[in-house]
Amino acid sequence: MKSSYVLITPARNEESTIGTTIESVVRQTILPKEWVIVSDESTDHTDDIVKHYTIKYPFIKLLRLTRRSGRSFSSQVFATEAGIEALSLKNYDFIGFLDADIRLPETYYADIMARFATNLKLGLAGGLVLDCDGGRRIVHKQSLRDVAGGVHFFRRECFELLDGLIAMPEGGHDTITCVQVRMLGFSTQTFPEIEVDHLKPRNISEGNIVKRSMQLGIRDYALGNHPIFEIAKCAYRCFDKPYFIGGVMRLIGYLWSCFRQKKRMLSPEITEEIRREQLSRLVPFLKAKPISTE
């Protein structure tokens, strides 16, 4: 019996990309049984574009939110949860989150579900997300144990055990979710051989590279990143273009948050597991023997 899946897409003012995202889904070799696209108070033509596709593809549904005051990275989580609640289909095997600025290859979901079929402990997976910027496809350094939030795809059993998503004003819910899934005893995996396109630079709404990098440092603090890991990570990021700036500003954002001593929202258990995993990634480097010059 062929596996089935449903999708949730949060969207706010994505008129420039959402048409491409929809086209890449309706061309899939295995279509979703239901796809709820949540317009989070969009003020552009996002809703009109989605409505156009709902006429031809009845499995696509548009849900428009009228939001409370104030916006943050938590808004995406709230929109996603609203989409989950709006699902009418009860019988499905997988649930996926798909950002409104992603372009997928035609066999994407068939390929991902095939990976799940060969590993029954796989709880969360996705393809490798490449940023499209000025005609270039940029690969970002990441652990293949983590999965980009824009393409999260869950085994239903695993997702239901999560009992909801954690909304963080600073962002990073995708990182938290990956850790939670592993804490439940499932594995998480990005498959680098399955590439997807992110149609604009990440966190572009946060401003230029300086502002975006500093915001990532603030996010790292909110996630409870271990100071040793954060220093190592930022030093490593100094070799990314534009050289030096991104890594330094990210560390400044983290240290500024440390100085402010803002209370973290995460539970001690999740923070402890995040730090344990981070230090375990550093161990191979700390144990590496120096190269002999003799």
Protein backbone atom coordinates (compact mmCIF):
# COMPACT_ATOMS: atom_id res chain seq x y z
CA MET A 1 0.00 0.00 0.00
CA LYS A 2 1.39 3.41 -1.00
CA SER A 3 2.22 5.77 1.86
CA SER A 4 0.26 9.01 2.17
CA TYR A 5 1.14 12.41 3.53
CA VAL A 6 -0.30 15.83 4.34
CA LEU A 7 1.41 19.22 4.20
CA ILE A 8 1.24 22.49 6.14
CA THR A 9 2.66 25.73 4.73
CA PRO A 10 2.74 28.97 6.74
CA ALA A 11 2.96 32.01 4.46
CA ARG A 12 3.09 35.75 4.92
CA ASN A 13 3.51 38.05 1.91
CA GLU A 14 5.12 35.38 -0.27
CA GLU A 15 3.66 36.44 -3.63
CA SER A 16 7.08 36.32 -5.30
CA THR A 17 7.73 32.66 -4.46
CA ILE A 18 4.59 30.80 -3.43
CA GLY A 19 3.52 30.12 -7.01
CA THR A 20 6.82 28.33 -7.64
CA THR A 21 6.40 26.33 -4.42
CA ILE A 22 2.89 25.25 -5.37
CA GLU A 23 3.96 24.27 -8.89
CA SER A 24 6.72 22.09 -7.47
CA VAL A 25 4.22 20.28 -5.20
CA VAL A 26 1.47 19.69 -7.77
CA ARG A 27 4.12 18.09 -10.03
CA GLN A 28 5.14 15.54 -7.40
CA THR A 29 5.01 11.91 -8.47
CA ILE A 30 3.11 11.26 -5.23
CA LEU A 31 0.72 14.09 -4.36
CA PRO A 32 -0.27 15.05 -0.81
CA LYS A 33 -3.70 13.94 0.35
CA GLU A 34 -4.27 17.38 1.83
CA TRP A 35 -2.29 20.62 1.87
CA VAL A 36 -3.26 23.49 4.14
CA ILE A 37 -1.62 26.80 3.22
CA VAL A 38 -1.95 29.27 6.08
CA SER A 39 -1.88 32.93 5.07
CA ASP A 40 -0.68 34.81 8.13
CA GLU A 41 -2.39 38.14 7.44
CA SER A 42 -0.75 38.53 4.05
CA THR A 43 -1.22 41.99 2.56
CA ASP A 44 0.07 41.21 -0.94
CA HIS A 45 -1.32 38.79 -3.57
CA THR A 46 -0.40 35.59 -1.69
CA ASP A 47 -4.06 34.70 -1.01
CA ASP A 48 -5.10 35.31 -4.61
CA ILE A 49 -2.34 33.05 -5.94
CA VAL A 50 -3.31 30.24 -3.56
CA LYS A 51 -7.02 30.60 -4.37
CA HIS A 52 -6.21 30.23 -8.08
CA TYR A 53 -4.65 26.83 -7.41
CA THR A 54 -7.42 25.61 -5.08
CA ILE A 55 -9.83 25.66 -8.04
CA LYS A 56 -7.79 23.12 -10.00
CA TYR A 57 -6.36 21.14 -7.07
CA PRO A 58 -9.02 20.40 -4.44
CA PHE A 59 -6.47 18.95 -2.01
CA ILE A 60 -5.10 22.50 -1.53
CA LYS A 61 -6.89 24.54 1.13
CA LEU A 62 -6.35 28.17 2.09
CA LEU A 63 -6.66 29.22 5.71
CA ARG A 64 -6.37 32.94 6.42
CA LEU A 65 -5.42 34.09 9.90
CA THR A 66 -6.31 37.39 11.51
CA ARG A 67 -3.57 37.82 14.03
CA ARG A 68 -3.12 39.21 17.48
CA SER A 69 -0.81 42.22 17.82
CA GLY A 70 2.94 41.75 17.73
CA ARG A 71 5.09 39.55 15.49
CA SER A 72 8.15 37.40 16.06
CA PHE A 73 9.63 34.11 14.90
CA SER A 74 6.92 32.46 17.01
CA SER A 75 4.36 33.56 14.41
CA GLN A 76 5.44 30.79 12.04
CA VAL A 77 4.85 28.18 14.72
CA PHE A 78 1.39 29.58 15.52
CA ALA A 79 0.48 29.56 11.83
CA THR A 80 1.73 25.99 11.45
CA GLU A 81 -0.30 24.81 14.43
CA ALA A 82 -3.39 26.51 13.01
CA GLY A 83 -2.83 24.59 9.79
CA ILE A 84 -2.55 21.30 11.67
CA GLU A 85 -5.85 21.99 13.44
CA ALA A 86 -7.49 22.74 10.08
CA LEU A 87 -6.61 19.35 8.59
CA SER A 88 -9.75 17.41 7.73
CA LEU A 89 -8.00 14.17 6.73
CA LYS A 90 -7.46 11.76 9.59
CA ASN A 91 -5.87 8.84 7.77
CA TYR A 92 -2.28 9.57 6.69
CA ASP A 93 1.22 8.22 7.35
CA PHE A 94 3.39 11.35 7.28
CA ILE A 95 3.02 15.06 7.96
CA GLY A 96 5.30 17.66 6.41
CA PHE A 97 5.97 21.35 6.90
CA LEU A 98 6.94 23.23 3.77
CA ASP A 99 7.98 26.88 3.63
CA ALA A 100 6.39 29.06 0.95
CA ASP A 101 9.74 29.83 -0.69
CA ILE A 102 10.93 26.28 -1.45
CA ARG A 103 11.21 24.56 -4.83
CA LEU A 104 11.21 20.75 -4.81
CA PRO A 105 12.32 18.19 -7.39
CA GLU A 106 9.42 16.15 -8.80
CA THR A 107 10.29 12.95 -6.92
CA TYR A 108 11.03 14.69 -3.62
CA TYR A 109 8.33 13.21 -1.42
CA ALA A 110 8.55 9.80 -3.08
CA ASP A 111 12.30 9.77 -2.38
CA ILE A 112 11.91 10.92 1.23
CA MET A 113 9.20 8.35 2.00
CA ALA A 114 11.39 5.64 0.46
CA ARG A 115 14.08 6.54 3.03
CA PHE A 116 11.55 6.16 5.83
CA ALA A 117 10.57 2.73 4.51
CA THR A 118 14.13 1.45 4.95
CA ASN A 119 14.58 2.84 8.47
CA LEU A 120 11.67 2.33 10.84
CA LYS A 121 13.37 4.42 13.55
CA LEU A 122 13.59 7.46 11.30
CA GLY A 123 11.21 10.02 12.78
CA LEU A 124 12.11 13.26 10.99
CA ALA A 125 13.85 13.82 7.67
CA GLY A 126 14.31 16.23 4.80
CA GLY A 127 16.47 17.12 1.84
CA LEU A 128 19.46 19.43 1.73
CA VAL A 129 18.31 23.05 1.38
CA LEU A 130 20.39 25.25 -0.94
CA ASP A 131 19.92 29.02 -0.95
CA CYS A 132 19.39 30.59 -4.38
CA ASP A 133 21.04 33.99 -4.56
CA GLY A 134 21.94 35.83 -7.74
CA GLY A 135 21.96 32.70 -9.87
CA ARG A 136 24.09 30.76 -7.38
CA ARG A 137 23.02 27.75 -5.29
CA ILE A 138 24.71 28.12 -1.91
CA VAL A 139 25.28 25.15 0.38
CA HIS A 140 25.32 26.02 4.08
CA LYS A 141 27.40 24.00 6.50
CA GLN A 142 25.23 21.89 8.79
CA SER A 143 25.13 18.64 10.69
CA LEU A 144 23.26 16.04 8.66
CA ARG A 145 21.54 14.97 11.88
CA ASP A 146 19.61 18.24 11.78
CA VAL A 147 16.83 19.02 9.33
CA ALA A 148 15.97 22.49 8.02
CA GLY A 149 12.60 23.61 9.35
CA GLY A 150 11.36 24.58 5.89
CA VAL A 151 11.27 20.92 4.84
CA HIS A 152 10.50 19.05 8.07
CA PHE A 153 8.82 15.74 7.25
CA PHE A 154 7.67 13.50 10.11
CA ARG A 155 6.57 9.95 10.59
CA ARG A 156 3.09 10.51 12.03
CA GLU A 157 3.73 8.36 15.10
CA CYS A 158 6.79 10.44 15.93
CA PHE A 159 5.09 13.78 15.38
CA GLU A 160 2.15 12.94 17.61
CA LEU A 161 4.51 11.99 20.44
CA LEU A 162 5.98 15.51 20.29
CA ASP A 163 2.65 16.88 21.54
CA GLY A 164 3.06 20.20 19.75
CA LEU A 165 5.80 22.61 18.68
CA ILE A 166 7.73 24.99 20.91
CA ALA A 167 7.37 28.61 19.82
CA MET A 168 10.46 30.76 20.44
CA PRO A 169 10.34 34.55 19.82
CA GLU A 170 14.01 34.35 18.74
CA GLY A 171 13.35 31.43 16.39
CA GLY A 172 15.05 28.04 16.33
CA HIS A 173 11.98 25.83 16.72
CA ASP A 174 13.37 23.53 14.02
CA THR A 175 16.53 22.90 16.06
CA ILE A 176 14.46 22.22 19.17
CA THR A 177 12.20 19.82 17.29
CA CYS A 178 15.16 17.81 15.99
CA VAL A 179 16.50 17.44 19.54
CA GLN A 180 13.07 16.46 20.88
CA VAL A 181 12.68 13.79 18.21
CA ARG A 182 16.03 12.25 19.17
CA MET A 183 15.07 12.40 22.85
CA LEU A 184 12.02 10.29 21.94
CA GLY A 185 14.32 7.60 20.54
CA PHE A 186 13.83 8.35 16.85
CA SER A 187 16.55 9.37 14.43
CA THR A 188 16.67 12.56 12.35
CA GLN A 189 18.40 12.90 9.00
CA THR A 190 19.10 15.32 6.18
CA PHE A 191 19.73 13.48 2.93
CA PRO A 192 22.33 15.53 0.99
CA GLU A 193 21.66 13.63 -2.24
CA ILE A 194 18.11 15.07 -2.28
CA GLU A 195 18.54 18.78 -2.95
CA VAL A 196 15.86 21.46 -2.71
CA ASP A 197 16.05 25.15 -3.55
CA HIS A 198 15.37 27.93 -1.07
CA LEU A 199 14.36 30.78 -3.33
CA LYS A 200 15.87 33.61 -1.27
CA PRO A 201 18.65 34.08 1.31
CA ARG A 202 17.82 32.82 4.79
CA ASN A 203 16.43 35.26 7.34
CA ILE A 204 16.45 37.98 4.69
CA SER A 205 13.60 39.74 6.51
CA GLU A 206 15.99 40.46 9.39
CA GLY A 207 18.02 42.89 7.28
CA ASN A 208 21.65 42.89 6.10
CA ILE A 209 24.32 40.29 6.93
CA VAL A 210 25.34 42.14 10.12
CA LYS A 211 21.81 42.21 11.54
CA ARG A 212 21.05 38.66 10.43
CA SER A 213 24.23 37.27 11.97
CA MET A 214 23.67 39.08 15.25
CA GLN A 215 20.11 37.78 15.40
CA LEU A 216 21.42 34.24 14.94
CA GLY A 217 23.69 34.76 17.94
CA ILE A 218 20.71 35.93 20.00
CA ARG A 219 18.88 32.80 18.86
CA ASP A 220 21.82 30.59 19.84
CA TYR A 221 21.68 32.03 23.36
CA ALA A 222 17.93 31.42 23.58
CA LEU A 223 18.50 27.81 22.55
CA GLY A 224 20.97 27.40 25.39
CA ASN A 225 24.05 26.77 23.26
CA HIS A 226 27.09 25.81 25.31
CA PRO A 227 29.60 28.72 25.41
CA ILE A 228 32.50 26.52 24.25
CA PHE A 229 30.47 25.22 21.33
CA GLU A 230 29.31 28.72 20.42
CA ILE A 231 32.85 30.11 20.33
CA ALA A 232 33.99 27.19 18.17
CA LYS A 233 30.98 27.57 15.88
CA CYS A 234 31.45 31.31 15.41
CA ALA A 235 35.17 30.86 14.75
CA TYR A 236 34.29 28.29 12.09
CA ARG A 237 31.71 30.65 10.55
CA CYS A 238 34.40 33.30 10.11
CA PHE A 239 35.52 31.34 7.04
CA ASP A 240 32.11 31.77 5.39
CA LYS A 241 31.57 34.65 2.98
CA PRO A 242 31.61 37.49 3.76
CA TYR A 243 34.68 36.42 5.70
CA PHE A 244 34.97 37.25 9.38
CA ILE A 245 31.86 39.47 9.63
CA GLY A 246 29.22 36.76 10.03
CA GLY A 247 31.06 34.78 12.68
CA VAL A 248 32.05 37.82 14.73
CA MET A 249 28.58 39.39 14.68
CA ARG A 250 27.01 36.08 15.63
CA LEU A 251 29.31 35.83 18.65
CA ILE A 252 28.53 39.44 19.58
CA GLY A 253 24.81 38.64 19.51
CA TYR A 254 25.37 35.65 21.78
CA LEU A 255 27.60 37.56 24.23
CA TRP A 256 25.21 40.52 24.29
CA SER A 257 22.40 38.14 25.29
CA CYS A 258 24.63 36.61 27.98
CA PHE A 259 25.31 40.09 29.36
CA ARG A 260 21.59 40.88 29.48
CA GLN A 261 20.95 37.50 31.19
CA LYS A 262 17.56 37.16 29.57
CA LYS A 263 15.62 34.20 30.92
CA ARG A 264 15.48 31.26 28.55
CA MET A 265 12.15 29.62 27.72
CA LEU A 266 13.37 26.07 27.14
CA SER A 267 13.06 23.41 29.82
CA PRO A 268 16.28 22.38 31.61
CA GLU A 269 15.94 18.89 30.09
CA ILE A 270 15.96 20.15 26.49
CA THR A 271 18.77 22.64 27.19
CA GLU A 272 20.85 19.91 28.79
CA GLU A 273 20.35 17.62 25.79
CA ILE A 274 21.23 20.41 23.34
CA ARG A 275 24.49 21.05 25.20
CA ARG A 276 25.28 17.34 25.51
CA GLU A 277 24.92 16.88 21.77
CA GLN A 278 27.01 19.96 21.05
CA LEU A 279 29.89 18.87 23.26
CA SER A 280 29.78 15.37 21.75
CA ARG A 281 30.32 16.97 18.33
CA LEU A 282 33.40 18.78 19.65
CA VAL A 283 35.00 15.69 21.20
CA PRO A 284 36.53 14.33 17.96
CA PHE A 285 38.26 17.68 17.39
CA LEU A 286 39.48 17.89 20.99
CA LYS A 287 40.89 14.36 20.81
CA ALA A 288 42.64 14.92 17.48
CA LYS A 289 46.38 14.39 17.76
CA PRO A 290 48.68 17.17 16.56
CA ILE A 291 50.52 16.50 13.32
CA SER A 292 54.13 15.57 13.98
CA THR A 293 56.77 17.74 12.28
CA GLU A 294 59.58 15.32 12.94
